[in-house]
């Protein structure tokens, strides 16, 4: 069952409707008068949503690192310029993803900086390994 439908079923089931609203990117508004009670009894749902979104950011970063590492290795790019361009592309793509495409409230995740740095170091390490392997294999004298 879709989370939006589940929340709608729980909130509309036996609870009176008033001004509290959950707007979770559904096709419709989910209203719930006892939102605090709901999140008290089902906190794992909200935590699960946050964890899933952070996992998506993490894996998008790994894919970007893998692709850019191959490109940087095939094109004989060297030095600080390659690292700087990787950092800008990696941070920029993820920023556009979560601010424009997903339109999440950054404050729910600790702010823009927390989302921007989520999984960055592991993607940076993967990028360096792939870049070095491809560069060495193709351009070694």
N, C-alpha and C. Protein backbone atom coordinates (compact mmCIF):
# COMPACT_ATOMS: atom_id res chain seq x y z
N UNK A 1 0.84 -1.18 0.00
CA UNK A 1 0.00 0.00 0.00
C UNK A 1 0.88 1.24 0.00
N UNK A 2 0.54 2.19 -0.81
CA UNK A 2 1.23 3.47 -0.88
C UNK A 2 1.15 4.18 0.47
N UNK A 3 2.25 4.83 0.88
CA UNK A 3 2.27 5.51 2.17
C UNK A 3 1.21 6.60 2.25
N UNK A 4 1.01 7.32 1.15
CA UNK A 4 0.00 8.38 1.15
C UNK A 4 -1.39 7.80 1.38
N UNK A 5 -1.67 6.68 0.73
CA UNK A 5 -2.99 6.05 0.93
C UNK A 5 -3.12 5.51 2.35
N UNK A 6 -2.02 4.98 2.88
CA UNK A 6 -2.05 4.46 4.24
C UNK A 6 -2.34 5.59 5.24
N UNK A 7 -1.60 6.69 5.10
CA UNK A 7 -1.83 7.83 6.01
C UNK A 7 -3.25 8.37 5.86
N UNK A 8 -3.71 8.42 4.62
CA UNK A 8 -5.07 8.90 4.38
C UNK A 8 -6.09 7.98 5.04
N UNK A 9 -5.88 6.68 4.94
CA UNK A 9 -6.80 5.72 5.54
C UNK A 9 -6.82 5.86 7.06
N UNK A 10 -5.62 5.97 7.65
CA UNK A 10 -5.54 6.10 9.11
C UNK A 10 -6.17 7.40 9.56
N UNK A 11 -5.83 8.49 8.90
CA UNK A 11 -6.30 9.80 9.34
C UNK A 11 -7.79 10.01 9.07
N UNK A 12 -8.29 9.52 7.98
CA UNK A 12 -9.69 9.73 7.65
C UNK A 12 -10.59 8.67 8.27
N UNK A 13 -10.01 7.58 8.73
CA UNK A 13 -10.80 6.47 9.25
C UNK A 13 -11.76 6.85 10.36
N UNK A 14 -11.29 7.09 11.55
CA UNK A 14 -12.15 7.37 12.69
C UNK A 14 -11.85 8.70 13.34
N UNK A 15 -11.03 9.50 12.73
CA UNK A 15 -10.59 10.74 13.36
C UNK A 15 -11.28 11.94 12.72
N UNK A 16 -11.69 12.92 13.52
CA UNK A 16 -12.30 14.12 12.94
C UNK A 16 -11.24 14.94 12.19
N UNK A 17 -11.68 15.62 11.15
CA UNK A 17 -10.77 16.40 10.32
C UNK A 17 -10.78 17.85 10.79
N UNK A 18 -9.58 18.44 10.93
CA UNK A 18 -9.50 19.87 11.17
C UNK A 18 -8.28 20.44 10.48
N UNK A 19 -7.61 21.45 11.04
CA UNK A 19 -6.62 22.21 10.30
C UNK A 19 -5.28 21.52 10.12
N UNK A 20 -4.99 20.43 10.82
CA UNK A 20 -3.69 19.78 10.65
C UNK A 20 -3.62 19.09 9.30
N UNK A 21 -2.46 19.21 8.67
CA UNK A 21 -2.31 18.59 7.35
C UNK A 21 -0.94 17.95 7.22
N UNK A 22 -0.92 16.85 6.56
CA UNK A 22 0.33 16.25 6.14
C UNK A 22 0.36 16.41 4.63
N UNK A 23 1.36 17.08 4.14
CA UNK A 23 1.49 17.23 2.69
C UNK A 23 2.71 16.43 2.27
N UNK A 24 2.51 15.19 1.95
CA UNK A 24 3.63 14.33 1.60
C UNK A 24 3.61 14.01 0.11
N UNK A 25 3.71 15.03 -0.70
CA UNK A 25 3.82 14.88 -2.14
C UNK A 25 2.81 13.87 -2.68
N UNK A 26 1.60 13.94 -2.18
CA UNK A 26 0.52 13.09 -2.67
C UNK A 26 -0.27 13.87 -3.71
N UNK A 27 -1.14 13.17 -4.38
CA UNK A 27 -2.01 13.84 -5.33
C UNK A 27 -3.09 14.62 -4.61
N UNK A 28 -3.24 14.43 -3.32
CA UNK A 28 -4.28 15.08 -2.55
C UNK A 28 -3.74 15.37 -1.16
N UNK A 29 -4.40 16.26 -0.44
CA UNK A 29 -4.00 16.58 0.93
C UNK A 29 -4.50 15.48 1.86
N UNK A 30 -3.66 15.14 2.83
CA UNK A 30 -4.06 14.19 3.86
C UNK A 30 -4.29 15.00 5.12
N UNK A 31 -5.48 14.96 5.64
CA UNK A 31 -5.78 15.73 6.84
C UNK A 31 -5.91 14.78 8.01
N UNK A 32 -5.44 15.24 9.15
CA UNK A 32 -5.47 14.39 10.34
C UNK A 32 -5.54 15.29 11.57
N UNK A 33 -6.55 15.09 12.39
CA UNK A 33 -6.71 15.96 13.55
C UNK A 33 -5.74 15.61 14.67
N UNK A 34 -5.32 14.38 14.72
CA UNK A 34 -4.41 13.99 15.80
C UNK A 34 -3.05 13.63 15.22
N UNK A 35 -2.46 14.58 14.50
CA UNK A 35 -1.17 14.36 13.87
C UNK A 35 -0.09 14.02 14.89
N UNK A 36 -0.10 14.69 16.03
CA UNK A 36 0.90 14.40 17.06
C UNK A 36 0.76 12.97 17.59
N UNK A 37 -0.47 12.53 17.81
CA UNK A 37 -0.69 11.16 18.26
C UNK A 37 -0.26 10.17 17.18
N UNK A 38 -0.57 10.50 15.95
CA UNK A 38 -0.21 9.61 14.85
C UNK A 38 1.30 9.43 14.76
N UNK A 39 2.04 10.55 14.80
CA UNK A 39 3.49 10.44 14.71
C UNK A 39 4.09 9.85 15.99
N UNK A 40 3.37 9.93 17.09
CA UNK A 40 3.85 9.29 18.32
C UNK A 40 3.76 7.78 18.18
N UNK A 41 2.66 7.28 17.64
CA UNK A 41 2.48 5.84 17.52
C UNK A 41 3.16 5.23 16.30
N UNK A 42 3.41 6.05 15.27
CA UNK A 42 4.04 5.55 14.06
C UNK A 42 5.28 6.37 13.68
N UNK A 43 6.23 6.56 14.58
CA UNK A 43 7.39 7.38 14.23
C UNK A 43 8.29 6.70 13.20
N UNK A 44 8.22 5.38 13.13
CA UNK A 44 9.07 4.66 12.20
C UNK A 44 8.75 5.01 10.75
N UNK A 45 7.50 5.40 10.47
CA UNK A 45 7.15 5.78 9.11
C UNK A 45 7.90 7.03 8.68
N UNK A 46 7.93 8.03 9.54
CA UNK A 46 8.63 9.26 9.20
C UNK A 46 10.13 9.04 9.12
N UNK A 47 10.67 8.25 10.04
CA UNK A 47 12.10 7.95 9.99
C UNK A 47 12.45 7.13 8.77
N UNK A 48 11.58 6.20 8.40
CA UNK A 48 11.82 5.38 7.23
C UNK A 48 11.85 6.23 5.97
N UNK A 49 10.94 7.19 5.87
CA UNK A 49 10.94 8.07 4.71
C UNK A 49 12.25 8.85 4.61
N UNK A 50 12.72 9.38 5.74
CA UNK A 50 13.96 10.13 5.73
C UNK A 50 15.13 9.23 5.37
N UNK A 51 15.18 8.04 5.95
CA UNK A 51 16.27 7.11 5.65
C UNK A 51 16.26 6.70 4.19
N UNK A 52 15.09 6.46 3.63
CA UNK A 52 15.00 6.08 2.22
C UNK A 52 15.48 7.21 1.32
N UNK A 53 15.11 8.43 1.63
CA UNK A 53 15.55 9.57 0.82
C UNK A 53 17.06 9.74 0.90
N UNK A 54 17.63 9.58 2.10
CA UNK A 54 19.08 9.69 2.25
C UNK A 54 19.79 8.55 1.53
N UNK A 55 19.19 7.36 1.50
CA UNK A 55 19.75 6.25 0.74
C UNK A 55 19.75 6.55 -0.75
N UNK A 56 18.69 7.17 -1.23
CA UNK A 56 18.63 7.53 -2.65
C UNK A 56 19.73 8.53 -2.98
N UNK A 57 19.92 9.52 -2.12
CA UNK A 57 20.99 10.50 -2.34
C UNK A 57 22.35 9.80 -2.35
N UNK A 58 22.56 8.90 -1.40
CA UNK A 58 23.83 8.17 -1.31
C UNK A 58 24.12 7.41 -2.61
N UNK A 59 23.14 6.68 -3.10
CA UNK A 59 23.38 5.85 -4.28
C UNK A 59 23.47 6.68 -5.56
N UNK A 60 22.77 7.78 -5.64
CA UNK A 60 22.94 8.67 -6.79
C UNK A 60 24.37 9.20 -6.82
N UNK A 61 24.89 9.56 -5.67
CA UNK A 61 26.29 10.02 -5.59
C UNK A 61 27.26 8.95 -6.07
N UNK A 62 27.02 7.68 -5.70
CA UNK A 62 27.92 6.61 -6.11
C UNK A 62 27.88 6.42 -7.62
N UNK A 63 26.69 6.52 -8.21
CA UNK A 63 26.56 6.39 -9.66
C UNK A 63 27.28 7.54 -10.36
N UNK A 64 27.10 8.74 -9.86
CA UNK A 64 27.79 9.91 -10.43
C UNK A 64 29.30 9.71 -10.34
N UNK A 65 29.79 9.24 -9.19
CA UNK A 65 31.22 9.03 -9.01
C UNK A 65 31.76 8.00 -9.98
N UNK A 66 31.03 6.93 -10.18
CA UNK A 66 31.46 5.88 -11.10
C UNK A 66 31.52 6.41 -12.54
N UNK A 67 30.48 7.09 -12.96
CA UNK A 67 30.43 7.63 -14.33
C UNK A 67 31.52 8.66 -14.56
N UNK A 68 31.65 9.61 -13.63
CA UNK A 68 32.67 10.65 -13.80
C UNK A 68 34.08 10.08 -13.69
N UNK A 69 34.28 9.07 -12.86
CA UNK A 69 35.59 8.44 -12.77
C UNK A 69 36.00 7.79 -14.09
N UNK A 70 35.06 7.13 -14.74
CA UNK A 70 35.34 6.52 -16.05
C UNK A 70 35.64 7.61 -17.08
N UNK A 71 34.80 8.66 -17.10
CA UNK A 71 35.00 9.74 -18.08
C UNK A 71 36.34 10.43 -17.85
N UNK A 72 36.67 10.73 -16.60
CA UNK A 72 37.94 11.41 -16.30
C UNK A 72 39.12 10.51 -16.62
N UNK A 73 38.98 9.19 -16.47
CA UNK A 73 40.06 8.27 -16.79
C UNK A 73 40.27 8.10 -18.29
N UNK A 74 39.17 8.06 -19.04
CA UNK A 74 39.27 7.91 -20.49
C UNK A 74 39.80 9.20 -21.11
N UNK A 75 39.22 10.33 -20.74
CA UNK A 75 39.76 11.63 -21.16
C UNK A 75 40.93 11.90 -20.22
N UNK A 76 42.10 12.10 -20.73
CA UNK A 76 43.26 12.20 -19.83
C UNK A 76 43.25 13.48 -18.98
N UNK A 77 42.30 13.53 -18.09
CA UNK A 77 42.19 14.69 -17.20
C UNK A 77 43.05 14.43 -15.96
N UNK A 78 43.79 15.44 -15.53
CA UNK A 78 44.71 15.27 -14.41
C UNK A 78 44.54 16.37 -13.39
N UNK A 79 44.98 16.05 -12.17
CA UNK A 79 45.20 17.04 -11.14
C UNK A 79 43.99 17.66 -10.48
N UNK A 80 44.24 18.84 -9.93
CA UNK A 80 43.24 19.54 -9.13
C UNK A 80 42.01 19.91 -9.94
N UNK A 81 42.18 20.19 -11.22
CA UNK A 81 41.05 20.56 -12.06
C UNK A 81 40.01 19.44 -12.12
N UNK A 82 40.46 18.20 -12.26
CA UNK A 82 39.54 17.05 -12.28
C UNK A 82 38.81 16.88 -10.97
N UNK A 83 39.51 17.05 -9.87
CA UNK A 83 38.88 16.93 -8.55
C UNK A 83 37.87 18.04 -8.32
N UNK A 84 38.24 19.26 -8.69
CA UNK A 84 37.34 20.40 -8.48
C UNK A 84 36.08 20.26 -9.33
N UNK A 85 36.23 19.85 -10.58
CA UNK A 85 35.06 19.68 -11.44
C UNK A 85 34.16 18.58 -10.90
N UNK A 86 34.76 17.47 -10.42
CA UNK A 86 33.96 16.40 -9.82
C UNK A 86 33.15 16.92 -8.63
N UNK A 87 33.79 17.67 -7.75
CA UNK A 87 33.09 18.19 -6.57
C UNK A 87 31.94 19.09 -6.95
N UNK A 88 32.14 19.96 -7.92
CA UNK A 88 31.08 20.88 -8.35
C UNK A 88 29.93 20.11 -8.98
N UNK A 89 30.24 19.17 -9.86
CA UNK A 89 29.17 18.40 -10.52
C UNK A 89 28.42 17.55 -9.51
N UNK A 90 29.16 16.88 -8.64
CA UNK A 90 28.53 16.00 -7.65
C UNK A 90 27.60 16.78 -6.73
N UNK A 91 28.08 17.87 -6.18
CA UNK A 91 27.25 18.67 -5.28
C UNK A 91 26.12 19.35 -6.04
N UNK A 92 26.40 19.83 -7.23
CA UNK A 92 25.39 20.54 -8.01
C UNK A 92 24.24 19.67 -8.45
N UNK A 93 24.54 18.48 -8.94
CA UNK A 93 23.48 17.56 -9.39
C UNK A 93 22.59 17.18 -8.22
N UNK A 94 23.18 16.86 -7.08
CA UNK A 94 22.38 16.47 -5.92
C UNK A 94 21.57 17.64 -5.38
N UNK A 95 22.13 18.83 -5.41
CA UNK A 95 21.37 20.00 -4.95
C UNK A 95 20.15 20.23 -5.83
N UNK A 96 20.34 20.16 -7.13
CA UNK A 96 19.21 20.32 -8.05
C UNK A 96 18.19 19.21 -7.83
N UNK A 97 18.67 18.00 -7.58
CA UNK A 97 17.77 16.86 -7.37
C UNK A 97 16.87 17.08 -6.17
N UNK A 98 17.45 17.40 -5.01
CA UNK A 98 16.60 17.48 -3.82
C UNK A 98 15.89 18.82 -3.67
N UNK A 99 16.40 19.88 -4.29
CA UNK A 99 15.71 21.16 -4.13
C UNK A 99 14.68 21.43 -5.23
N UNK A 100 14.98 21.07 -6.45
CA UNK A 100 14.06 21.36 -7.55
C UNK A 100 13.20 20.17 -7.93
N UNK A 101 13.84 19.01 -8.08
CA UNK A 101 13.11 17.83 -8.57
C UNK A 101 12.23 17.23 -7.47
N UNK A 102 12.81 16.95 -6.30
CA UNK A 102 12.04 16.35 -5.20
C UNK A 102 11.32 17.40 -4.36
N UNK A 103 11.82 18.60 -4.31
CA UNK A 103 11.25 19.72 -3.55
C UNK A 103 10.99 19.35 -2.09
N UNK A 104 12.02 18.77 -1.45
CA UNK A 104 11.90 18.41 -0.04
C UNK A 104 12.20 19.62 0.83
N UNK A 105 11.73 19.57 2.05
CA UNK A 105 12.05 20.59 3.03
C UNK A 105 13.40 20.22 3.63
N UNK A 106 14.43 20.99 3.29
CA UNK A 106 15.79 20.66 3.72
C UNK A 106 15.93 20.63 5.24
N UNK A 107 15.11 21.42 5.93
CA UNK A 107 15.21 21.50 7.38
C UNK A 107 14.82 20.18 8.06
N UNK A 108 14.01 19.38 7.40
CA UNK A 108 13.66 18.07 7.97
C UNK A 108 14.87 17.16 8.05
N UNK A 109 15.87 17.42 7.21
CA UNK A 109 17.07 16.58 7.14
C UNK A 109 18.29 17.26 7.74
N UNK A 110 18.11 18.39 8.38
CA UNK A 110 19.23 19.07 9.02
C UNK A 110 19.78 20.23 8.21
N UNK A 111 19.13 20.61 7.16
CA UNK A 111 19.56 21.74 6.35
C UNK A 111 20.17 21.31 5.03
N UNK A 112 20.40 22.30 4.20
CA UNK A 112 20.94 22.05 2.86
C UNK A 112 22.33 21.43 2.93
N UNK A 113 23.14 21.89 3.86
CA UNK A 113 24.51 21.38 3.96
C UNK A 113 24.53 19.90 4.30
N UNK A 114 23.65 19.45 5.18
CA UNK A 114 23.60 18.03 5.55
C UNK A 114 23.24 17.16 4.35
N UNK A 115 22.30 17.61 3.55
CA UNK A 115 21.93 16.85 2.36
C UNK A 115 23.03 16.90 1.31
N UNK A 116 23.71 18.04 1.21
CA UNK A 116 24.76 18.17 0.21
C UNK A 116 25.96 17.29 0.54
N UNK A 117 26.26 17.11 1.81
CA UNK A 117 27.43 16.29 2.16
C UNK A 117 27.11 14.82 2.43
N UNK A 118 25.84 14.44 2.36
CA UNK A 118 25.45 13.05 2.61
C UNK A 118 26.10 12.11 1.59
N UNK A 119 27.00 11.24 2.06
CA UNK A 119 27.65 10.26 1.19
C UNK A 119 28.72 10.82 0.28
N UNK A 120 29.14 12.06 0.53
CA UNK A 120 30.10 12.68 -0.39
C UNK A 120 31.47 12.00 -0.32
N UNK A 121 31.96 11.71 0.87
CA UNK A 121 33.32 11.16 0.99
C UNK A 121 33.44 9.78 0.37
N UNK A 122 32.43 8.94 0.52
CA UNK A 122 32.50 7.62 -0.11
C UNK A 122 32.43 7.73 -1.63
N UNK A 123 31.63 8.66 -2.12
CA UNK A 123 31.59 8.84 -3.58
C UNK A 123 32.91 9.43 -4.08
N UNK A 124 33.52 10.28 -3.29
CA UNK A 124 34.81 10.85 -3.67
C UNK A 124 35.88 9.76 -3.74
N UNK A 125 35.87 8.85 -2.76
CA UNK A 125 36.83 7.75 -2.77
C UNK A 125 36.59 6.83 -3.97
N UNK A 126 35.34 6.51 -4.26
CA UNK A 126 35.03 5.68 -5.43
C UNK A 126 35.47 6.38 -6.71
N UNK A 127 35.20 7.66 -6.82
CA UNK A 127 35.62 8.43 -7.98
C UNK A 127 37.13 8.35 -8.18
N UNK A 128 37.90 8.55 -7.11
CA UNK A 128 39.36 8.51 -7.23
C UNK A 128 39.85 7.14 -7.66
N UNK A 129 39.29 6.09 -7.08
CA UNK A 129 39.72 4.73 -7.44
C UNK A 129 39.43 4.45 -8.91
N UNK A 130 38.23 4.75 -9.36
CA UNK A 130 37.86 4.48 -10.76
C UNK A 130 38.69 5.34 -11.70
N UNK A 131 38.87 6.59 -11.37
CA UNK A 131 39.66 7.50 -12.20
C UNK A 131 41.09 6.99 -12.34
N UNK A 132 41.69 6.62 -11.23
CA UNK A 132 43.09 6.14 -11.25
C UNK A 132 43.20 4.85 -12.05
N UNK A 133 42.27 3.92 -11.86
CA UNK A 133 42.33 2.64 -12.58
C UNK A 133 42.21 2.86 -14.09
N UNK A 134 41.23 3.64 -14.52
CA UNK A 134 41.03 3.86 -15.95
C UNK A 134 42.17 4.68 -16.54
N UNK A 135 42.62 5.69 -15.84
CA UNK A 135 43.71 6.52 -16.35
C UNK A 135 44.98 5.68 -16.50
N UNK A 136 45.29 4.87 -15.50
CA UNK A 136 46.49 4.05 -15.54
C UNK A 136 46.40 3.00 -16.63
N UNK A 137 45.24 2.38 -16.79
CA UNK A 137 45.08 1.33 -17.80
C UNK A 137 45.17 1.89 -19.23
N UNK A 138 44.67 3.08 -19.45
CA UNK A 138 44.61 3.60 -20.82
C UNK A 138 45.76 4.53 -21.19
N UNK A 139 46.35 5.19 -20.22
CA UNK A 139 47.33 6.23 -20.54
C UNK A 139 48.70 5.98 -19.91
N UNK A 140 48.94 4.78 -19.43
CA UNK A 140 50.23 4.47 -18.79
C UNK A 140 51.31 4.36 -19.88
N UNK A 141 52.44 4.99 -19.66
CA UNK A 141 53.52 4.98 -20.67
C UNK A 141 54.26 3.69 -20.67
